[in-house]
Amino acid sequence: MDTGTLLSFLLSISGIVLMVVFIIIGIKLINILDKVDRIVDNVEAKVSSFDNAFSVLSKAANGVANISNTMAFSVSSALSKLFNKKVKKEEDIYE
């Protein structure tokens, strides 16, 4: 055998071995991606089950915020009326 044919034969054999190795790695990667996809679907289903709870909490927080805003507005308006009456009385005294 001449060296050219020997090297060609060795390159062909190593190419075939590399292709087989890459095919095996590809199949394993596909299996891993399938498992990851199932895990992501499971996590997504569990997270979506909390959507209703978060919606209820959000509505409750908005209700509490509205009540506190209403109370703050009523207190500030009452204080404003109280101080405005005192200022008006002082102005009446000077006139």
PDB file of N, CA and C in Angstrom:
ATOM      1  N   MET A   1       0.837  -1.186   0.000  1.00  0.00           N
ATOM      2  CA  MET A   1       0.000   0.000   0.000  1.00  0.00           C
ATOM      3  C   MET A   1       0.873   1.237   0.000  1.00  0.00           C
ATOM      4  N   ASP A   2       0.437   2.117  -0.708  1.00  0.00           N
ATOM      5  CA  ASP A   2       1.170   3.373  -0.813  1.00  0.00           C
ATOM      6  C   ASP A   2       0.683   4.317   0.290  1.00  0.00           C
ATOM      7  N   THR A   3       1.473   5.296   0.696  1.00  0.00           N
ATOM      8  CA  THR A   3       1.141   6.168   1.833  1.00  0.00           C
ATOM      9  C   THR A   3      -0.078   7.033   1.548  1.00  0.00           C
ATOM     10  N   GLY A   4      -0.283   7.381   0.298  1.00  0.00           N
ATOM     11  CA  GLY A   4      -1.444   8.208  -0.049  1.00  0.00           C
ATOM     12  C   GLY A   4      -2.743   7.471   0.189  1.00  0.00           C
ATOM     13  N   THR A   5      -2.800   6.226  -0.214  1.00  0.00           N
ATOM     14  CA  THR A   5      -4.022   5.451   0.005  1.00  0.00           C
ATOM     15  C   THR A   5      -4.208   5.114   1.483  1.00  0.00           C
ATOM     16  N   LEU A   6      -3.106   4.916   2.188  1.00  0.00           N
ATOM     17  CA  LEU A   6      -3.198   4.622   3.627  1.00  0.00           C
ATOM     18  C   LEU A   6      -3.748   5.830   4.382  1.00  0.00           C
ATOM     19  N   LEU A   7      -3.239   7.009   4.069  1.00  0.00           N
ATOM     20  CA  LEU A   7      -3.747   8.225   4.723  1.00  0.00           C
ATOM     21  C   LEU A   7      -5.203   8.485   4.345  1.00  0.00           C
ATOM     22  N   SER A   8      -5.541   8.238   3.099  1.00  0.00           N
ATOM     23  CA  SER A   8      -6.928   8.407   2.661  1.00  0.00           C
ATOM     24  C   SER A   8      -7.841   7.444   3.417  1.00  0.00           C
ATOM     25  N   PHE A   9      -7.404   6.205   3.577  1.00  0.00           N
ATOM     26  CA  PHE A   9      -8.185   5.205   4.310  1.00  0.00           C
ATOM     27  C   PHE A   9      -8.347   5.608   5.770  1.00  0.00           C
ATOM     28  N   LEU A  10      -7.264   6.072   6.410  1.00  0.00           N
ATOM     29  CA  LEU A  10      -7.321   6.489   7.816  1.00  0.00           C
ATOM     30  C   LEU A  10      -8.226   7.714   7.987  1.00  0.00           C
ATOM     31  N   LEU A  11      -8.148   8.657   7.053  1.00  0.00           N
ATOM     32  CA  LEU A  11      -9.032   9.835   7.123  1.00  0.00           C
ATOM     33  C   LEU A  11     -10.497   9.444   6.954  1.00  0.00           C
ATOM     34  N   SER A  12     -10.761   8.506   6.079  1.00  0.00           N
ATOM     35  CA  SER A  12     -12.142   8.047   5.889  1.00  0.00           C
ATOM     36  C   SER A  12     -12.662   7.372   7.154  1.00  0.00           C
ATOM     37  N   ILE A  13     -11.850   6.509   7.738  1.00  0.00           N
ATOM     38  CA  ILE A  13     -12.259   5.821   8.964  1.00  0.00           C
ATOM     39  C   ILE A  13     -12.480   6.821  10.094  1.00  0.00           C
ATOM     40  N   SER A  14     -11.571   7.783  10.273  1.00  0.00           N
ATOM     41  CA  SER A  14     -11.738   8.767  11.347  1.00  0.00           C
ATOM     42  C   SER A  14     -12.945   9.663  11.073  1.00  0.00           C
ATOM     43  N   GLY A  15     -13.231   9.979   9.821  1.00  0.00           N
ATOM     44  CA  GLY A  15     -14.431  10.751   9.487  1.00  0.00           C
ATOM     45  C   GLY A  15     -15.699  10.001   9.831  1.00  0.00           C
ATOM     46  N   ILE A  16     -15.720   8.722   9.534  1.00  0.00           N
ATOM     47  CA  ILE A  16     -16.896   7.904   9.858  1.00  0.00           C
ATOM     48  C   ILE A  16     -17.071   7.812  11.372  1.00  0.00           C
ATOM     49  N   VAL A  17     -15.982   7.631  12.108  1.00  0.00           N
ATOM     50  CA  VAL A  17     -16.059   7.550  13.572  1.00  0.00           C
ATOM     51  C   VAL A  17     -16.566   8.874  14.136  1.00  0.00           C
ATOM     52  N   LEU A  18     -16.053   9.994  13.622  1.00  0.00           N
ATOM     53  CA  LEU A  18     -16.521  11.300  14.096  1.00  0.00           C
ATOM     54  C   LEU A  18     -17.997  11.511  13.794  1.00  0.00           C
ATOM     55  N   MET A  19     -18.454  11.086  12.623  1.00  0.00           N
ATOM     56  CA  MET A  19     -19.877  11.229  12.305  1.00  0.00           C
ATOM     57  C   MET A  19     -20.748  10.417  13.258  1.00  0.00           C
ATOM     58  N   VAL A  20     -20.315   9.214  13.583  1.00  0.00           N
ATOM     59  CA  VAL A  20     -21.073   8.376  14.511  1.00  0.00           C
ATOM     60  C   VAL A  20     -21.105   9.033  15.893  1.00  0.00           C
ATOM     61  N   VAL A  21     -19.969   9.564  16.340  1.00  0.00           N
ATOM     62  CA  VAL A  21     -19.909  10.233  17.643  1.00  0.00           C
ATOM     63  C   VAL A  21     -20.829  11.451  17.647  1.00  0.00           C
ATOM     64  N   PHE A  22     -20.803  12.261  16.594  1.00  0.00           N
ATOM     65  CA  PHE A  22     -21.659  13.445  16.528  1.00  0.00           C
ATOM     66  C   PHE A  22     -23.140  13.072  16.477  1.00  0.00           C
ATOM     67  N   ILE A  23     -23.472  11.987  15.808  1.00  0.00           N
ATOM     68  CA  ILE A  23     -24.871  11.533  15.770  1.00  0.00           C
ATOM     69  C   ILE A  23     -25.323  11.121  17.168  1.00  0.00           C
ATOM     70  N   ILE A  24     -24.477  10.393  17.889  1.00  0.00           N
ATOM     71  CA  ILE A  24     -24.823   9.976  19.258  1.00  0.00           C
ATOM     72  C   ILE A  24     -24.984  11.194  20.161  1.00  0.00           C
ATOM     73  N   ILE A  25     -24.071  12.162  20.054  1.00  0.00           N
ATOM     74  CA  ILE A  25     -24.176  13.391  20.859  1.00  0.00           C
ATOM     75  C   ILE A  25     -25.440  14.156  20.498  1.00  0.00           C
ATOM     76  N   GLY A  26     -25.779  14.229  19.213  1.00  0.00           N
ATOM     77  CA  GLY A  26     -26.999  14.913  18.784  1.00  0.00           C
ATOM     78  C   GLY A  26     -28.248  14.276  19.355  1.00  0.00           C
ATOM     79  N   ILE A  27     -28.294  12.939  19.355  1.00  0.00           N
ATOM     80  CA  ILE A  27     -29.458  12.234  19.911  1.00  0.00           C
ATOM     81  C   ILE A  27     -29.575  12.497  21.405  1.00  0.00           C
ATOM     82  N   LYS A  28     -28.445  12.482  22.109  1.00  0.00           N
ATOM     83  CA  LYS A  28     -28.488  12.764  23.545  1.00  0.00           C
ATOM     84  C   LYS A  28     -28.931  14.204  23.813  1.00  0.00           C
ATOM     85  N   LEU A  29     -28.481  15.150  22.997  1.00  0.00           N
ATOM     86  CA  LEU A  29     -28.900  16.545  23.167  1.00  0.00           C
ATOM     87  C   LEU A  29     -30.397  16.709  22.907  1.00  0.00           C
ATOM     88  N   ILE A  30     -30.931  15.994  21.932  1.00  0.00           N
ATOM     89  CA  ILE A  30     -32.366  16.051  21.667  1.00  0.00           C
ATOM     90  C   ILE A  30     -33.144  15.526  22.872  1.00  0.00           C
ATOM     91  N   ASN A  31     -32.675  14.436  23.476  1.00  0.00           N
ATOM     92  CA  ASN A  31     -33.340  13.889  24.672  1.00  0.00           C
ATOM     93  C   ASN A  31     -33.282  14.881  25.830  1.00  0.00           C
ATOM     94  N   ILE A  32     -32.136  15.516  26.000  1.00  0.00           N
ATOM     95  CA  ILE A  32     -32.000  16.510  27.077  1.00  0.00           C
ATOM     96  C   ILE A  32     -32.948  17.683  26.840  1.00  0.00           C
ATOM     97  N   LEU A  33     -33.049  18.148  25.598  1.00  0.00           N
ATOM     98  CA  LEU A  33     -33.949  19.263  25.297  1.00  0.00           C
ATOM     99  C   LEU A  33     -35.411  18.887  25.515  1.00  0.00           C
ATOM    100  N   ASP A  34     -35.773  17.643  25.233  1.00  0.00           N
ATOM    101  CA  ASP A  34     -37.140  17.190  25.508  1.00  0.00           C
ATOM    102  C   ASP A  34     -37.434  17.226  27.004  1.00  0.00           C
ATOM    103  N   LYS A  35     -36.468  16.779  27.813  1.00  0.00           N
ATOM    104  CA  LYS A  35     -36.661  16.812  29.264  1.00  0.00           C
ATOM    105  C   LYS A  35     -36.777  18.250  29.769  1.00  0.00           C
ATOM    106  N   VAL A  36     -35.942  19.141  29.247  1.00  0.00           N
ATOM    107  CA  VAL A  36     -35.996  20.549  29.648  1.00  0.00           C
ATOM    108  C   VAL A  36     -37.333  21.152  29.251  1.00  0.00           C
ATOM    109  N   ASP A  37     -37.833  20.799  28.078  1.00  0.00           N
ATOM    110  CA  ASP A  37     -39.126  21.310  27.624  1.00  0.00           C
ATOM    111  C   ASP A  37     -40.252  20.856  28.546  1.00  0.00           C
ATOM    112  N   ARG A  38     -40.207  19.600  28.981  1.00  0.00           N
ATOM    113  CA  ARG A  38     -41.235  19.120  29.919  1.00  0.00           C
ATOM    114  C   ARG A  38     -41.154  19.843  31.255  1.00  0.00           C
ATOM    115  N   ILE A  39     -39.947  20.100  31.731  1.00  0.00           N
ATOM    116  CA  ILE A  39     -39.775  20.816  33.004  1.00  0.00           C
ATOM    117  C   ILE A  39     -40.298  22.243  32.891  1.00  0.00           C
ATOM    118  N   VAL A  40     -39.987  22.902  31.772  1.00  0.00           N
ATOM    119  CA  VAL A  40     -40.460  24.277  31.575  1.00  0.00           C
ATOM    120  C   VAL A  40     -41.983  24.311  31.501  1.00  0.00           C
ATOM    121  N   ASP A  41     -42.590  23.353  30.816  1.00  0.00           N
ATOM    122  CA  ASP A  41     -44.056  23.290  30.756  1.00  0.00           C
ATOM    123  C   ASP A  41     -44.656  23.089  32.139  1.00  0.00           C
ATOM    124  N   ASN A  42     -44.030  22.243  32.949  1.00  0.00           N
ATOM    125  CA  ASN A  42     -44.507  21.990  34.301  1.00  0.00           C
ATOM    126  C   ASN A  42     -44.410  23.251  35.159  1.00  0.00           C
ATOM    127  N   VAL A  43     -43.293  23.939  35.069  1.00  0.00           N
ATOM    128  CA  VAL A  43     -43.110  25.179  35.839  1.00  0.00           C
ATOM    129  C   VAL A  43     -44.110  26.237  35.377  1.00  0.00           C
ATOM    130  N   GLU A  44     -44.327  26.327  34.078  1.00  0.00           N
ATOM    131  CA  GLU A  44     -45.286  27.299  33.546  1.00  0.00           C
ATOM    132  C   GLU A  44     -46.698  27.020  34.047  1.00  0.00           C
ATOM    133  N   ALA A  45     -47.068  25.747  34.110  1.00  0.00           N
ATOM    134  CA  ALA A  45     -48.395  25.384  34.619  1.00  0.00           C
ATOM    135  C   ALA A  45     -48.524  25.743  36.091  1.00  0.00           C
ATOM    136  N   LYS A  46     -47.473  25.515  36.867  1.00  0.00           N
ATOM    137  CA  LYS A  46     -47.528  25.840  38.292  1.00  0.00           C
ATOM    138  C   LYS A  46     -47.585  27.340  38.521  1.00  0.00           C
ATOM    139  N   VAL A  47     -46.847  28.105  37.727  1.00  0.00           N
ATOM    140  CA  VAL A  47     -46.865  29.562  37.876  1.00  0.00           C
ATOM    141  C   VAL A  47     -48.221  30.121  37.462  1.00  0.00           C
ATOM    142  N   SER A  48     -48.805  29.579  36.420  1.00  0.00           N
ATOM    143  CA  SER A  48     -50.106  30.080  35.976  1.00  0.00           C
ATOM    144  C   SER A  48     -51.205  29.762  36.993  1.00  0.00           C
ATOM    145  N   SER A  49     -50.994  28.760  37.833  1.00  0.00           N
ATOM    146  CA  SER A  49     -51.994  28.463  38.862  1.00  0.00           C
ATOM    147  C   SER A  49     -52.029  29.555  39.929  1.00  0.00           C
ATOM    148  N   PHE A  50     -50.967  30.341  40.046  1.00  0.00           N
ATOM    149  CA  PHE A  50     -50.928  31.433  41.015  1.00  0.00           C
ATOM    150  C   PHE A  50     -51.515  32.738  40.474  1.00  0.00           C
ATOM    151  N   ASP A  51     -51.883  32.775  39.199  1.00  0.00           N
ATOM    152  CA  ASP A  51     -52.394  34.012  38.605  1.00  0.00           C
ATOM    153  C   ASP A  51     -53.637  34.522  39.328  1.00  0.00           C
ATOM    154  N   ASN A  52     -54.549  33.636  39.675  1.00  0.00           N
ATOM    155  CA  ASN A  52     -55.769  34.055  40.367  1.00  0.00           C
ATOM    156  C   ASN A  52     -55.452  34.631  41.743  1.00  0.00           C
ATOM    157  N   ALA A  53     -54.509  34.008  42.437  1.00  0.00           N
ATOM    158  CA  ALA A  53     -54.136  34.503  43.765  1.00  0.00           C
ATOM    159  C   ALA A  53     -53.515  35.896  43.656  1.00  0.00           C
ATOM    160  N   PHE A  54     -52.648  36.094  42.665  1.00  0.00           N
ATOM    161  CA  PHE A  54     -52.039  37.403  42.480  1.00  0.00           C
ATOM    162  C   PHE A  54     -53.085  38.449  42.085  1.00  0.00           C
ATOM    163  N   SER A  55     -54.069  38.042  41.321  1.00  0.00           N
ATOM    164  CA  SER A  55     -55.141  38.964  40.931  1.00  0.00           C
ATOM    165  C   SER A  55     -55.938  39.406  42.156  1.00  0.00           C
ATOM    166  N   VAL A  56     -56.255  38.463  43.041  1.00  0.00           N
ATOM    167  CA  VAL A  56     -56.997  38.789  44.258  1.00  0.00           C
ATOM    168  C   VAL A  56     -56.167  39.718  45.148  1.00  0.00           C
ATOM    169  N   LEU A  57     -54.884  39.420  45.296  1.00  0.00           N
ATOM    170  CA  LEU A  57     -54.015  40.276  46.111  1.00  0.00           C
ATOM    171  C   LEU A  57     -53.900  41.672  45.521  1.00  0.00           C
ATOM    172  N   SER A  58     -53.836  41.757  44.219  1.00  0.00           N
ATOM    173  CA  SER A  58     -53.744  43.056  43.561  1.00  0.00           C
ATOM    174  C   SER A  58     -55.018  43.871  43.791  1.00  0.00           C
ATOM    175  N   LYS A  59     -56.163  43.232  43.686  1.00  0.00           N
ATOM    176  CA  LYS A  59     -57.427  43.936  43.923  1.00  0.00           C
ATOM    177  C   LYS A  59     -57.533  44.388  45.374  1.00  0.00           C
ATOM    178  N   ALA A  60     -57.099  43.538  46.301  1.00  0.00           N
ATOM    179  CA  ALA A  60     -57.139  43.908  47.710  1.00  0.00           C
ATOM    180  C   ALA A  60     -56.200  45.082  47.985  1.00  0.00           C
ATOM    181  N   ALA A  61     -55.029  45.061  47.397  1.00  0.00           N
ATOM    182  CA  ALA A  61     -54.084  46.169  47.584  1.00  0.00           C
ATOM    183  C   ALA A  61     -54.634  47.456  46.999  1.00  0.00           C
ATOM    184  N   ASN A  62     -55.286  47.368  45.853  1.00  0.00           N
ATOM    185  CA  ASN A  62     -55.898  48.565  45.262  1.00  0.00           C
ATOM    186  C   ASN A  62     -57.022  49.100  46.148  1.00  0.00           C
ATOM    187  N   GLY A  63     -57.804  48.210  46.739  1.00  0.00           N
ATOM    188  CA  GLY A  63     -58.881  48.635  47.635  1.00  0.00           C
ATOM    189  C   GLY A  63     -58.328  49.339  48.867  1.00  0.00           C
ATOM    190  N   VAL A  64     -57.282  48.774  49.464  1.00  0.00           N
ATOM    191  CA  VAL A  64     -56.664  49.400  50.637  1.00  0.00           C
ATOM    192  C   VAL A  64     -56.067  50.755  50.258  1.00  0.00           C
ATOM    193  N   ALA A  65     -55.453  50.843  49.081  1.00  0.00           N
ATOM    194  CA  ALA A  65     -54.875  52.113  48.635  1.00  0.00           C
ATOM    195  C   ALA A  65     -55.971  53.156  48.431  1.00  0.00           C
ATOM    196  N   ASN A  66     -57.089  52.754  47.864  1.00  0.00           N
ATOM    197  CA  ASN A  66     -58.196  53.702  47.668  1.00  0.00           C
ATOM    198  C   ASN A  66     -58.745  54.188  49.003  1.00  0.00           C
ATOM    199  N   ILE A  67     -58.897  53.286  49.956  1.00  0.00           N
ATOM    200  CA  ILE A  67     -59.405  53.675  51.279  1.00  0.00           C
ATOM    201  C   ILE A  67     -58.435  54.633  51.962  1.00  0.00           C
ATOM    202  N   SER A  68     -57.132  54.302  51.891  1.00  0.00           N
ATOM    203  CA  SER A  68     -56.158  55.187  52.544  1.00  0.00           C
ATOM    204  C   SER A  68     -56.090  56.539  51.846  1.00  0.00           C
ATOM    205  N   ASN A  69     -56.233  56.566  50.523  1.00  0.00           N
ATOM    206  CA  ASN A  69     -56.254  57.847  49.813  1.00  0.00           C
ATOM    207  C   ASN A  69     -57.470  58.674  50.200  1.00  0.00           C
ATOM    208  N   THR A  70     -58.616  58.020  50.325  1.00  0.00           N
ATOM    209  CA  THR A  70     -59.830  58.716  50.721  1.00  0.00           C
ATOM    210  C   THR A  70     -59.697  59.280  52.129  1.00  0.00           C
ATOM    211  N   MET A  71     -59.141  58.476  53.039  1.00  0.00           N
ATOM    212  CA  MET A  71     -58.965  58.951  54.409  1.00  0.00           C
ATOM    213  C   MET A  71     -57.969  60.105  54.467  1.00  0.00           C
ATOM    214  N   ALA A  72     -56.895  60.016  53.726  1.00  0.00           N
ATOM    215  CA  ALA A  72     -55.902  61.086  53.724  1.00  0.00           C
ATOM    216  C   ALA A  72     -56.493  62.361  53.145  1.00  0.00           C
ATOM    217  N   PHE A  73     -57.293  62.222  52.080  1.00  0.00           N
ATOM    218  CA  PHE A  73     -57.926  63.399  51.489  1.00  0.00           C
ATOM    219  C   PHE A  73     -58.911  64.039  52.460  1.00  0.00           C
ATOM    220  N   SER A  74     -59.701  63.224  53.164  1.00  0.00           N
ATOM    221  CA  SER A  74     -60.689  63.792  54.092  1.00  0.00           C
ATOM    222  C   SER A  74     -59.992  64.474  55.269  1.00  0.00           C
ATOM    223  N   VAL A  75     -58.920  63.874  55.783  1.00  0.00           N
ATOM    224  CA  VAL A  75     -58.187  64.488  56.894  1.00  0.00           C
ATOM    225  C   VAL A  75     -57.547  65.794  56.440  1.00  0.00           C
ATOM    226  N   SER A  76     -56.926  65.771  55.251  1.00  0.00           N
ATOM    227  CA  SER A  76     -56.269  66.995  54.780  1.00  0.00           C
ATOM    228  C   SER A  76     -57.286  68.087  54.476  1.00  0.00           C
ATOM    229  N   SER A  77     -58.448  67.737  53.940  1.00  0.00           N
ATOM    230  CA  SER A  77     -59.460  68.757  53.675  1.00  0.00           C
ATOM    231  C   SER A  77     -60.032  69.308  54.986  1.00  0.00           C
ATOM    232  N   ALA A  78     -60.201  68.446  55.994  1.00  0.00           N
ATOM    233  CA  ALA A  78     -60.693  68.916  57.284  1.00  0.00           C
ATOM    234  C   ALA A  78     -59.678  69.865  57.926  1.00  0.00           C
ATOM    235  N   LEU A  79     -58.420  69.514  57.875  1.00  0.00           N
ATOM    236  CA  LEU A  79     -57.384  70.397  58.418  1.00  0.00           C
ATOM    237  C   LEU A  79     -57.298  71.695  57.639  1.00  0.00           C
ATOM    238  N   SER A  80     -57.457  71.603  56.333  1.00  0.00           N
ATOM    239  CA  SER A  80     -57.416  72.799  55.496  1.00  0.00           C
ATOM    240  C   SER A  80     -58.578  73.738  55.851  1.00  0.00           C
ATOM    241  N   LYS A  81     -59.770  73.183  56.040  1.00  0.00           N
ATOM    242  CA  LYS A  81     -60.928  74.006  56.414  1.00  0.00           C
ATOM    243  C   LYS A  81     -60.709  74.638  57.780  1.00  0.00           C
ATOM    244  N   LEU A  82     -60.135  73.875  58.712  1.00  0.00           N
ATOM    245  CA  LEU A  82     -59.887  74.381  60.050  1.00  0.00           C
ATOM    246  C   LEU A  82     -58.915  75.553  60.014  1.00  0.00           C
ATOM    247  N   PHE A  83     -57.817  75.416  59.286  1.00  0.00           N
ATOM    248  CA  PHE A  83     -56.838  76.490  59.212  1.00  0.00           C
ATOM    249  C   PHE A  83     -57.351  77.679  58.416  1.00  0.00           C
ATOM    250  N   ASN A  84     -58.165  77.441  57.404  1.00  0.00           N
ATOM    251  CA  ASN A  84     -58.730  78.548  56.631  1.00  0.00           C
ATOM    252  C   ASN A  84     -59.695  79.372  57.474  1.00  0.00           C
ATOM    253  N   LYS A  85     -60.444  78.729  58.373  1.00  0.00           N
ATOM    254  CA  LYS A  85     -61.354  79.473  59.242  1.00  0.00           C
ATOM    255  C   LYS A  85     -60.577  80.359  60.195  1.00  0.00           C
ATOM    256  N   LYS A  86     -59.464  79.849  60.723  1.00  0.00           N
ATOM    257  CA  LYS A  86     -58.655  80.664  61.631  1.00  0.00           C
ATOM    258  C   LYS A  86     -58.070  81.856  60.906  1.00  0.00           C
ATOM    259  N   VAL A  87     -57.626  81.671  59.684  1.00  0.00           N
ATOM    260  CA  VAL A  87     -57.043  82.779  58.918  1.00  0.00           C
ATOM    261  C   VAL A  87     -58.123  83.811  58.612  1.00  0.00           C
ATOM    262  N   LYS A  88     -59.315  83.372  58.270  1.00  0.00           N
ATOM    263  CA  LYS A  88     -60.397  84.296  57.974  1.00  0.00           C
ATOM    264  C   LYS A  88     -60.776  85.097  59.219  1.00  0.00           C
ATOM    265  N   LYS A  89     -60.801  84.443  60.369  1.00  0.00           N
ATOM    266  CA  LYS A  89     -61.137  85.151  61.597  1.00  0.00           C
ATOM    267  C   LYS A  89     -60.093  86.212  61.911  1.00  0.00           C
ATOM    268  N   GLU A  90     -58.814  85.892  61.683  1.00  0.00           N
ATOM    269  CA  GLU A  90     -57.760  86.875  61.932  1.00  0.00           C
ATOM    270  C   GLU A  90     -57.889  88.038  60.958  1.00  0.00           C
ATOM    271  N   GLU A  91     -58.266  87.768  59.719  1.00  0.00           N
ATOM    272  CA  GLU A  91     -58.441  88.849  58.750  1.00  0.00           C
ATOM    273  C   GLU A  91     -59.642  89.712  59.135  1.00  0.00           C
ATOM    274  N   ASP A  92     -60.701  89.108  59.666  1.00  0.00           N
ATOM    275  CA  ASP A  92     -61.866  89.867  60.100  1.00  0.00           C
ATOM    276  C   ASP A  92     -61.495  90.810  61.256  1.00  0.00           C
ATOM    277  N   ILE A  93     -60.612  90.362  62.093  1.00  0.00           N
ATOM    278  CA  ILE A  93     -60.214  91.177  63.246  1.00  0.00           C
ATOM    279  C   ILE A  93     -59.498  92.430  62.766  1.00  0.00           C
ATOM    280  N   TYR A  94     -58.632  92.291  61.782  1.00  0.00           N
ATOM    281  CA  TYR A  94     -57.857  93.436  61.288  1.00  0.00           C
ATOM    282  C   TYR A  94     -58.684  94.400  60.453  1.00  0.00           C
ATOM    283  N   GLU A  95     -59.812  93.977  59.936  1.00  0.00           N
ATOM    284  CA  GLU A  95     -60.616  94.871  59.119  1.00  0.00           C
ATOM    285  C   GLU A  95     -61.473  95.738  59.949  1.00  0.00           C
TER     286      GLU A  95
END
